Amino acid sequence: MPTKHIAAIDLGSNSFHMIIAEINENGSFQIIDRRREVIRVGSHTDEVEENISREEIIRAIEILKKFRHLADHYEAEIRAAATSAIRESSNGENFIENIFIETGIPVEIISGKREAELIFLGAVHALKLNQKKVLVLDIGGGSTEIILGNMNQIIFAESLKIGAVRLSRKFFPEFIITPESIELCRNYIDAELSKIYNKGSAVYDLAVGASGTILSAASTIYFQKYNRFPEKINGIQFSSEELKELSGKILSKSPVKERLQIPGIEEKRADVLPAGLLILNKLFKLFNIRSLIISEYGLREGMIINSHQY
């Protein structure tokens, strides 16, 4: 039997990601290649409905042609999902039609709830938490997903329109932060989280973080503790105290150039990380999280697992 490969592509609000997975006969898989390209699609403002710009469409097609070339190299079956920025754009359907015409990649625009379910599937699989009740958090560019459940049942899956890029553009013009804008942003997050305050008393065995802001925060905290980045991020943890300490450092630096001087900070996220951390701190408080364990798997891996029901 020839080796089977699957390429899973996530068209996110902050970046496009692709992983190539080699599927084993027993149903397990290994990730053998991956690509990430930063592209911030749409304006993520709530005041007006925004189109994806012509420049963004051209850039997206350029990226996806590269992804297609790599997938073809592995003779991989392609699965692609579009999330917050594209599902909220008035020309999102036209955008994915253009992608198919130019690249041959069929893209599915998935709902926020479906996105949350796939993130959960990936996160729990990575940490082998089959018998645990798990709270999973994922803070992306345009939305935040919150899921509680186990491998057999999802108790709730929520997707809120608060993300690191969305809130940065709304509250921090040119990515400059001030005490006043921080307070406005916090109040806005509180208002959005009020929609799920009834979930705050949820009982869980472990809190897990995946993707975007959370992986960046974990990597930075690890660097500041050990003066090196983790060899493998899956399974590392950070506490509420460590999150508070990192947030204090980053939120005290107004322009991006000052934040870039913080040891361990990811250059490509230094602009939007403050907004992401404000969301994360509020989630820690709402769900009374003492420690968060990191999953290196998320939406893309969930797509692979779901495709073949491993």
Protein backbone atom coordinates (compact mmCIF):
# COMPACT_ATOMS: atom_id res chain seq x y z
CA MET A 1 0.00 0.00 0.00
CA PRO A 2 1.49 3.40 -0.96
CA THR A 3 2.15 5.86 1.85
CA LYS A 4 -0.71 8.31 2.25
CA HIS A 5 -0.18 12.00 2.92
CA ILE A 6 -2.67 14.70 3.89
CA ALA A 7 -2.06 18.44 3.72
CA ALA A 8 -4.18 20.49 6.13
CA ILE A 9 -4.33 24.23 5.48
CA ASP A 10 -5.69 26.80 7.94
CA LEU A 11 -6.53 30.17 6.37
CA GLY A 12 -6.48 32.16 9.60
CA SER A 13 -6.92 35.81 10.43
CA ASN A 14 -3.26 36.39 11.29
CA SER A 15 -1.51 33.84 9.08
CA PHE A 16 -1.93 30.89 6.76
CA HIS A 17 -0.54 27.56 8.00
CA MET A 18 -0.08 24.22 6.33
CA ILE A 19 1.03 20.88 7.74
CA ILE A 20 1.82 17.74 5.78
CA ALA A 21 1.03 14.53 7.64
CA GLU A 22 2.10 11.00 6.81
CA ILE A 23 -0.65 8.55 7.66
CA ASN A 24 0.33 5.19 9.12
CA GLU A 25 -1.54 1.92 8.57
CA ASN A 26 -2.60 1.85 12.22
CA GLY A 27 -4.27 5.24 11.86
CA SER A 28 -1.62 7.32 13.63
CA PHE A 29 0.23 10.09 11.81
CA GLN A 30 3.43 12.09 11.85
CA ILE A 31 3.82 15.67 10.70
CA ILE A 32 6.64 15.62 8.14
CA ASP A 33 6.55 19.21 6.89
CA ARG A 34 4.96 22.52 7.73
CA ARG A 35 4.76 26.07 6.43
CA ARG A 36 3.54 29.35 7.91
CA GLU A 37 3.07 32.68 6.14
CA VAL A 38 1.94 35.84 7.95
CA ILE A 39 -1.01 37.47 6.19
CA ARG A 40 -3.65 39.52 8.00
CA VAL A 41 -6.84 39.19 6.05
CA GLY A 42 -9.59 41.82 6.39
CA SER A 43 -9.88 44.71 8.79
CA HIS A 44 -11.55 42.87 11.72
CA THR A 45 -13.56 45.94 12.63
CA ASP A 46 -17.09 45.60 13.94
CA GLU A 47 -18.35 48.99 12.81
CA VAL A 48 -18.54 48.23 9.09
CA GLU A 49 -18.54 45.10 7.01
CA GLU A 50 -15.18 44.90 5.30
CA ASN A 51 -14.07 43.30 2.08
CA ILE A 52 -10.88 41.36 1.68
CA SER A 53 -8.75 43.74 -0.37
CA ARG A 54 -7.45 43.01 -3.85
CA GLU A 55 -3.90 43.13 -2.49
CA GLU A 56 -4.77 40.55 0.15
CA ILE A 57 -6.35 38.29 -2.46
CA ILE A 58 -3.22 38.44 -4.61
CA ARG A 59 -0.99 37.72 -1.61
CA ALA A 60 -3.22 34.86 -0.46
CA ILE A 61 -3.15 33.22 -3.88
CA GLU A 62 0.64 33.62 -4.01
CA ILE A 63 0.98 31.85 -0.64
CA LEU A 64 -1.46 29.08 -1.53
CA LYS A 65 0.28 28.37 -4.83
CA LYS A 66 3.44 27.70 -2.79
CA PHE A 67 1.46 25.48 -0.43
CA ARG A 68 -0.06 23.61 -3.38
CA HIS A 69 3.37 23.03 -4.89
CA LEU A 70 4.64 21.50 -1.63
CA ALA A 71 1.51 19.38 -1.20
CA ASP A 72 1.90 18.09 -4.76
CA HIS A 73 5.51 17.20 -4.01
CA TYR A 74 4.25 14.83 -1.31
CA GLU A 75 1.27 13.74 -3.42
CA ALA A 76 -0.86 14.86 -0.50
CA GLU A 77 -4.64 15.14 -0.38
CA ILE A 78 -5.45 18.75 0.52
CA ARG A 79 -7.97 19.88 3.15
CA ALA A 80 -8.35 23.64 3.65
CA ALA A 81 -10.46 25.61 6.12
CA ALA A 82 -11.09 29.35 6.37
CA THR A 83 -11.84 30.91 9.74
CA SER A 84 -12.87 34.22 11.32
CA ALA A 85 -11.63 36.89 8.91
CA ILE A 86 -12.90 35.13 5.79
CA ARG A 87 -16.22 33.93 7.19
CA GLU A 88 -17.02 37.50 8.31
CA SER A 89 -15.95 39.25 5.10
CA SER A 90 -18.68 40.29 2.68
CA ASN A 91 -16.64 38.91 -0.22
CA GLY A 92 -15.42 35.76 1.56
CA GLU A 93 -17.25 33.42 -0.84
CA ASN A 94 -15.78 35.23 -3.84
CA PHE A 95 -12.37 35.05 -2.19
CA ILE A 96 -12.42 31.27 -1.92
CA GLU A 97 -13.80 30.96 -5.47
CA ASN A 98 -10.78 32.94 -6.71
CA ILE A 99 -8.49 30.68 -4.71
CA PHE A 100 -9.99 27.57 -6.30
CA ILE A 101 -9.72 29.01 -9.82
CA GLU A 102 -6.08 30.05 -9.33
CA THR A 103 -4.78 27.13 -7.24
CA GLY A 104 -7.26 24.28 -7.49
CA ILE A 105 -7.52 24.20 -3.68
CA PRO A 106 -11.10 23.80 -2.40
CA VAL A 107 -11.53 25.86 0.77
CA GLU A 108 -14.34 25.32 3.26
CA ILE A 109 -15.50 28.31 5.29
CA ILE A 110 -16.15 26.75 8.69
CA SER A 111 -18.33 28.12 11.47
CA GLY A 112 -16.86 29.31 14.76
CA LYS A 113 -18.41 26.32 16.53
CA ARG A 114 -16.91 23.88 14.03
CA GLU A 115 -13.53 25.61 14.35
CA ALA A 116 -13.72 25.17 18.12
CA GLU A 117 -14.58 21.47 17.82
CA LEU A 118 -11.64 20.77 15.50
CA ILE A 119 -9.24 22.70 17.75
CA PHE A 120 -10.41 20.61 20.69
CA LEU A 121 -9.92 17.38 18.76
CA GLY A 122 -6.35 18.32 17.87
CA ALA A 123 -5.42 19.63 21.31
CA VAL A 124 -6.70 16.62 23.24
CA HIS A 125 -5.09 14.19 20.78
CA ALA A 126 -1.65 15.81 21.14
CA LEU A 127 -1.65 15.43 24.93
CA LYS A 128 -3.36 12.01 24.96
CA LEU A 129 -6.08 13.20 27.34
CA ASN A 130 -8.75 10.69 26.36
CA GLN A 131 -10.07 10.14 29.89
CA LYS A 132 -9.83 13.72 31.12
CA LYS A 133 -12.36 16.53 31.18
CA VAL A 134 -10.44 19.32 29.45
CA LEU A 135 -10.93 23.06 29.01
CA VAL A 136 -9.25 24.16 25.77
CA LEU A 137 -8.49 27.79 24.89
CA ASP A 138 -7.33 29.13 21.53
CA ILE A 139 -6.77 32.86 20.90
CA GLY A 140 -6.38 33.54 17.19
CA GLY A 141 -6.17 36.71 15.16
CA GLY A 142 -9.90 37.26 14.74
CA SER A 143 -11.61 35.03 17.29
CA THR A 144 -11.19 33.11 20.51
CA GLU A 145 -12.38 29.52 20.90
CA ILE A 146 -13.31 28.01 24.27
CA ILE A 147 -14.21 24.33 24.52
CA LEU A 148 -14.98 21.95 27.39
CA GLY A 149 -15.27 18.21 26.99
CA ASN A 150 -13.46 14.93 26.55
CA MET A 151 -12.75 12.69 23.57
CA ASN A 152 -16.26 11.24 23.70
CA GLN A 153 -18.32 14.37 24.29
CA ILE A 154 -18.03 18.13 23.87
CA ILE A 155 -19.95 19.83 26.66
CA PHE A 156 -19.74 23.30 25.13
CA ALA A 157 -17.87 24.95 22.27
CA GLU A 158 -17.86 28.74 22.02
CA SER A 159 -16.32 31.09 19.46
CA LEU A 160 -16.17 34.77 20.40
CA LYS A 161 -15.27 37.69 18.14
CA ILE A 162 -12.26 38.72 20.18
CA GLY A 163 -8.84 38.04 18.70
CA ALA A 164 -5.34 39.50 18.92
CA VAL A 165 -5.42 41.21 15.51
CA ARG A 166 -9.05 42.30 15.74
CA LEU A 167 -8.61 44.02 19.12
CA SER A 168 -5.21 45.47 18.23
CA ARG A 169 -6.73 47.28 15.27
CA LYS A 170 -9.75 48.36 17.29
CA PHE A 171 -7.94 49.71 20.37
CA PHE A 172 -4.26 50.12 19.55
CA PRO A 173 -3.76 52.19 16.38
CA GLU A 174 -0.31 51.61 14.91
CA PHE A 175 0.02 49.00 17.69
CA ILE A 176 0.83 51.66 20.29
CA ILE A 177 -0.61 50.90 23.71
CA THR A 178 -1.53 53.34 26.48
CA PRO A 179 -3.09 52.85 29.93
CA GLU A 180 -6.33 54.34 28.60
CA SER A 181 -6.50 52.05 25.55
CA ILE A 182 -5.65 49.02 27.70
CA GLU A 183 -8.57 49.81 30.00
CA LEU A 184 -10.95 50.26 27.05
CA CYS A 185 -9.80 46.96 25.61
CA ARG A 186 -10.27 45.17 28.93
CA ASN A 187 -13.80 46.53 29.25
CA TYR A 188 -14.61 45.37 25.73
CA ILE A 189 -13.29 41.87 26.47
CA ASP A 190 -15.38 41.79 29.66
CA ALA A 191 -18.49 42.67 27.65
CA GLU A 192 -17.81 39.90 25.13
CA LEU A 193 -17.04 37.35 27.84
CA SER A 194 -20.27 38.26 29.62
CA LYS A 195 -21.97 36.14 26.93
CA ILE A 196 -20.42 33.05 28.51
CA TYR A 197 -20.14 34.02 32.18
CA ASN A 198 -22.42 31.09 33.00
CA LYS A 199 -19.64 28.79 31.76
CA GLY A 200 -17.12 30.20 34.25
CA SER A 201 -18.06 27.69 36.95
CA ALA A 202 -17.29 24.74 34.67
CA VAL A 203 -15.43 21.87 36.33
CA TYR A 204 -12.44 20.45 34.44
CA ASP A 205 -9.35 18.33 35.10
CA LEU A 206 -6.90 20.29 32.97
CA ALA A 207 -6.77 23.62 31.15
CA VAL A 208 -5.05 23.44 27.75
CA GLY A 209 -3.90 26.20 25.43
CA ALA A 210 -3.35 25.93 21.69
CA SER A 211 -2.16 28.10 18.80
CA GLY A 212 -1.47 31.79 18.29
CA THR A 213 -1.16 34.01 21.34
CA ILE A 214 -0.94 31.14 23.82
CA LEU A 215 1.98 29.34 22.16
CA SER A 216 3.79 32.66 21.79
CA ALA A 217 3.27 33.48 25.48
CA ALA A 218 4.44 30.00 26.53
CA SER A 219 7.57 30.24 24.40
CA THR A 220 8.45 33.69 25.77
CA ILE A 221 7.90 32.62 29.39
CA TYR A 222 10.07 29.54 28.84
CA PHE A 223 12.84 31.64 27.31
CA GLN A 224 12.84 34.05 30.23
CA LYS A 225 13.11 31.16 32.69
CA TYR A 226 15.81 29.12 30.91
CA ASN A 227 17.41 31.58 28.46
CA ARG A 228 16.53 29.30 25.55
CA PHE A 229 13.46 28.28 23.62
CA PRO A 230 11.87 24.90 24.33
CA GLU A 231 12.97 22.06 22.07
CA LYS A 232 9.37 20.89 22.03
CA ILE A 233 6.46 23.05 23.11
CA ASN A 234 3.92 20.25 23.51
CA GLY A 235 3.25 19.61 27.19
CA ILE A 236 5.08 22.59 28.69
CA GLN A 237 3.13 24.67 31.21
CA PHE A 238 2.95 28.15 32.64
CA SER A 239 1.18 29.44 35.72
CA SER A 240 -1.17 32.35 36.27
CA GLU A 241 1.65 34.12 38.13
CA GLU A 242 4.02 33.70 35.18
CA LEU A 243 1.36 34.99 32.79
CA LYS A 244 0.78 38.01 35.00
CA GLU A 245 4.51 38.76 35.12
CA LEU A 246 4.91 38.50 31.32
CA SER A 247 1.81 40.62 30.71
CA GLY A 248 3.13 43.33 33.01
CA LYS A 249 6.38 43.51 31.05
CA ILE A 250 4.75 43.60 27.64
CA LEU A 251 1.92 45.99 28.51
CA SER A 252 4.42 48.47 29.93
CA LYS A 253 6.07 48.85 26.51
CA SER A 254 4.05 51.26 24.40
CA PRO A 255 5.56 50.98 20.88
CA VAL A 256 6.41 47.73 19.12
CA LYS A 257 10.12 48.56 18.98
CA GLU A 258 10.28 48.54 22.79
CA ARG A 259 8.41 45.24 23.01
CA LEU A 260 10.90 43.71 20.59
CA GLN A 261 13.62 44.28 23.20
CA ILE A 262 11.92 41.88 25.62
CA PRO A 263 13.94 38.62 25.66
CA GLY A 264 12.19 35.74 23.91
CA ILE A 265 9.34 37.68 22.32
CA GLU A 266 8.31 36.50 18.85
CA GLU A 267 9.06 39.24 16.34
CA LYS A 268 6.01 38.52 14.16
CA ARG A 269 3.63 38.74 17.14
CA ALA A 270 5.14 41.63 19.09
CA ASP A 271 2.60 44.04 17.59
CA VAL A 272 -0.57 42.07 18.44
CA LEU A 273 0.56 40.15 21.54
CA PRO A 274 -0.64 42.80 24.05
CA ALA A 275 -4.26 42.39 22.93
CA GLY A 276 -3.89 38.61 22.96
CA LEU A 277 -2.54 38.68 26.51
CA LEU A 278 -5.40 40.89 27.69
CA ILE A 279 -7.82 38.25 26.40
CA LEU A 280 -5.84 35.42 27.98
CA ASN A 281 -5.67 37.09 31.39
CA LYS A 282 -9.44 37.58 31.38
CA LEU A 283 -9.95 33.90 30.49
CA PHE A 284 -7.63 32.84 33.34
CA LYS A 285 -9.75 34.89 35.72
CA LEU A 286 -13.12 33.74 34.36
CA PHE A 287 -12.25 30.04 34.55
CA ASN A 288 -10.04 30.31 37.65
CA ILE A 289 -7.07 28.80 35.80
CA ARG A 290 -3.96 28.22 37.91
CA SER A 291 -1.83 26.54 35.26
CA LEU A 292 -2.15 26.07 31.49
CA ILE A 293 -0.61 23.14 29.62
CA ILE A 294 0.35 23.66 25.98
CA SER A 295 -0.79 21.54 23.06
CA GLU A 296 1.19 21.85 19.83
CA TYR A 297 -1.85 20.56 17.95
CA GLY A 298 -4.87 22.65 17.05
CA LEU A 299 -7.16 23.25 14.11
CA ARG A 300 -4.96 21.75 11.37
CA GLU A 301 -4.28 18.54 13.25
CA GLY A 302 -7.95 18.36 14.19
CA MET A 303 -8.79 18.48 10.48
CA ILE A 304 -6.53 15.48 9.85
CA ILE A 305 -7.87 13.50 12.79
CA ASN A 306 -11.46 14.25 11.83
CA SER A 307 -10.89 13.28 8.21
CA HIS A 308 -9.99 9.73 9.11
CA GLN A 309 -11.51 9.36 12.59
CA TYR A 310 -8.35 8.25 14.32
